[in-house]
Amino acid sequence: VQLQASGGGLVQAGGSLRLSCAASGATIRSYYMGWFRQAPGKEREFVAAIRYSSGSTYYGDFVEGRFTIAKDNAKNTVYLQMSSLRPEDTAVYSCAGSNTLILSSIRNPRYYTYWGQGTQVTVSS
C-alpha cells in the first residue's frame, strides 16, 4: 500500500485545514488508518485513527473535539478535518496504516506498517 498525504499549509490560529491521505496499491478496508504529528524536538504524537471497516474513530487527548477523522470508501482515502487550530498544533502530520494492528496499539506508531510522507501544518498566532 502506498499512502499520499496532502493538504497541509499555513493558517492563522482559529482556522481550519483538511488533510487527505490517499491510499493506492490495495484497498484499505481492513485497515486501521492513523494520523500522527511531530513537532521539532518532540516525539511523534498520536492524533487520530479510524477503523476503516467499521468507521470507529479514536483521538488523542489533546484533540478536545477540534479534529475529525473520516473516510471515503469510494476514494480509498482518509481525511483529517482540523478546526480551531492553535499554534501548538504546528507540526509535520503523517498518515499511516496497518492491517495487522489491534485496538490497544493504535496510538503507538511502531505498530503501523505503511506510512505516507509528511505534510507540514503551520499555525500562526
Protein backbone atom coordinates (compact mmCIF):
# COMPACT_ATOMS: atom_id res chain seq x y z
CA VAL A 1 0.00 0.00 0.00
CA GLN A 2 1.22 3.48 -0.86
CA LEU A 3 -0.07 6.44 1.12
CA GLN A 4 -0.04 10.01 -0.16
CA ALA A 5 -0.71 12.77 2.33
CA SER A 6 -1.65 16.27 1.32
CA GLY A 7 -3.46 19.38 2.49
CA GLY A 8 -1.03 20.99 4.88
CA GLY A 9 -0.28 24.68 4.84
CA LEU A 10 -0.11 27.90 6.78
CA VAL A 11 -3.19 29.01 8.68
CA GLN A 12 -3.95 31.53 11.38
CA ALA A 13 -4.90 30.46 14.87
CA GLY A 14 -8.55 29.55 14.99
CA GLY A 15 -8.56 28.49 11.36
CA SER A 16 -9.17 25.15 9.72
CA LEU A 17 -7.39 22.72 7.42
CA ARG A 18 -8.31 19.38 5.93
CA LEU A 19 -5.60 16.80 5.41
CA SER A 20 -6.05 13.93 2.99
CA CYS A 21 -4.39 10.53 2.90
CA ALA A 22 -4.98 8.70 -0.38
CA ALA A 23 -4.17 5.01 -0.49
CA SER A 24 -3.19 3.13 -3.61
CA GLY A 25 -1.98 -0.34 -4.42
CA ALA A 26 -4.58 -2.09 -2.30
CA THR A 27 -7.87 -1.46 -0.61
CA ILE A 28 -7.61 -0.30 2.97
CA ARG A 29 -10.99 -1.61 4.04
CA SER A 30 -9.45 -3.99 6.57
CA TYR A 31 -7.02 -1.41 7.91
CA TYR A 32 -6.66 0.87 10.85
CA MET A 33 -5.62 4.23 9.45
CA GLY A 34 -3.98 6.81 11.66
CA TRP A 35 -2.64 10.32 11.73
CA PHE A 36 0.44 11.26 13.71
CA ARG A 37 2.30 14.51 14.10
CA GLN A 38 5.79 15.51 15.03
CA ALA A 39 6.95 18.95 16.02
CA PRO A 40 10.63 19.93 16.03
CA GLY A 41 12.40 18.47 19.02
CA LYS A 42 9.39 16.41 20.08
CA GLU A 43 8.39 12.79 19.77
CA ARG A 44 5.86 11.61 17.25
CA GLU A 45 2.37 12.02 18.72
CA PHE A 46 -0.87 10.16 18.02
CA VAL A 47 -3.55 12.42 16.59
CA ALA A 48 -6.39 10.18 15.44
CA ALA A 49 -7.23 6.80 13.97
CA ILE A 50 -10.13 5.16 12.22
CA ARG A 51 -11.02 1.51 11.80
CA TYR A 52 -11.86 1.59 8.14
CA SER A 53 -14.29 -1.33 8.13
CA SER A 54 -16.49 -0.04 10.94
CA GLY A 55 -15.80 3.67 10.90
CA SER A 56 -14.91 3.66 14.60
CA THR A 57 -12.75 6.64 15.47
CA TYR A 58 -10.19 7.38 18.15
CA TYR A 59 -8.44 10.60 19.11
CA GLY A 60 -5.50 11.88 21.05
CA ASP A 61 -6.35 13.58 24.32
CA PHE A 62 -5.21 16.99 23.08
CA VAL A 63 -7.74 17.00 20.24
CA GLU A 64 -10.59 18.03 22.54
CA GLY A 65 -13.20 17.76 19.82
CA ARG A 66 -11.41 20.02 17.35
CA PHE A 67 -10.41 17.38 14.81
CA THR A 68 -12.44 14.79 12.93
CA ILE A 69 -11.09 11.75 11.11
CA ALA A 70 -13.25 10.39 8.33
CA LYS A 71 -13.08 8.10 5.33
CA ASP A 72 -14.27 7.94 1.77
CA ASN A 73 -14.70 4.35 0.67
CA ALA A 74 -15.02 5.20 -2.99
CA LYS A 75 -11.77 7.14 -2.98
CA ASN A 76 -9.82 4.83 -0.63
CA THR A 77 -8.97 7.98 1.28
CA VAL A 78 -8.88 9.12 4.89
CA TYR A 79 -9.28 12.74 5.92
CA LEU A 80 -8.37 14.73 8.99
CA GLN A 81 -10.51 17.82 9.36
CA MET A 82 -8.85 20.19 11.78
CA SER A 83 -10.63 23.19 13.24
CA SER A 84 -9.89 25.76 15.94
CA LEU A 85 -6.21 25.30 15.20
CA ARG A 86 -3.69 26.54 17.73
CA PRO A 87 -0.02 27.47 17.31
CA GLU A 88 0.88 24.36 19.29
CA ASP A 89 -0.70 22.25 16.52
CA THR A 90 2.21 23.23 14.28
CA ALA A 91 3.94 20.04 13.19
CA VAL A 92 4.53 17.65 10.34
CA TYR A 93 1.46 15.45 10.03
CA SER A 94 1.80 11.94 8.63
CA CYS A 95 -0.73 9.28 7.83
CA ALA A 96 -0.15 5.61 8.48
CA GLY A 97 -1.94 2.31 8.06
CA SER A 98 -1.90 -1.26 9.18
CA ASN A 99 -3.99 -4.34 8.60
CA THR A 100 -2.42 -6.22 11.49
CA LEU A 101 -2.98 -3.67 14.21
CA ILE A 102 -5.03 -4.36 17.30
CA LEU A 103 -7.08 -1.73 19.08
CA SER A 104 -4.79 -1.48 22.09
CA SER A 105 -1.88 -0.49 19.84
CA ILE A 106 -3.44 2.17 17.64
CA ARG A 107 -1.73 5.03 19.48
CA ASN A 108 1.75 3.57 19.00
CA PRO A 109 3.41 4.48 15.69
CA ARG A 110 5.66 1.42 15.90
CA TYR A 111 2.77 -0.84 15.02
CA TYR A 112 1.84 0.86 11.76
CA THR A 113 3.23 -0.79 8.65
CA TYR A 114 2.68 1.78 5.95
CA TRP A 115 3.48 5.49 6.08
CA GLY A 116 2.85 8.40 3.82
CA GLN A 117 5.18 11.34 3.55
CA GLY A 118 4.50 14.12 6.00
CA THR A 119 2.68 17.33 5.29
CA GLN A 120 3.59 20.50 7.15
CA VAL A 121 0.93 22.31 9.14
CA THR A 122 1.90 25.72 10.46
CA VAL A 123 -0.44 27.70 12.66
CA SER A 124 0.44 31.34 13.22
CA SER A 125 -0.63 33.29 16.27
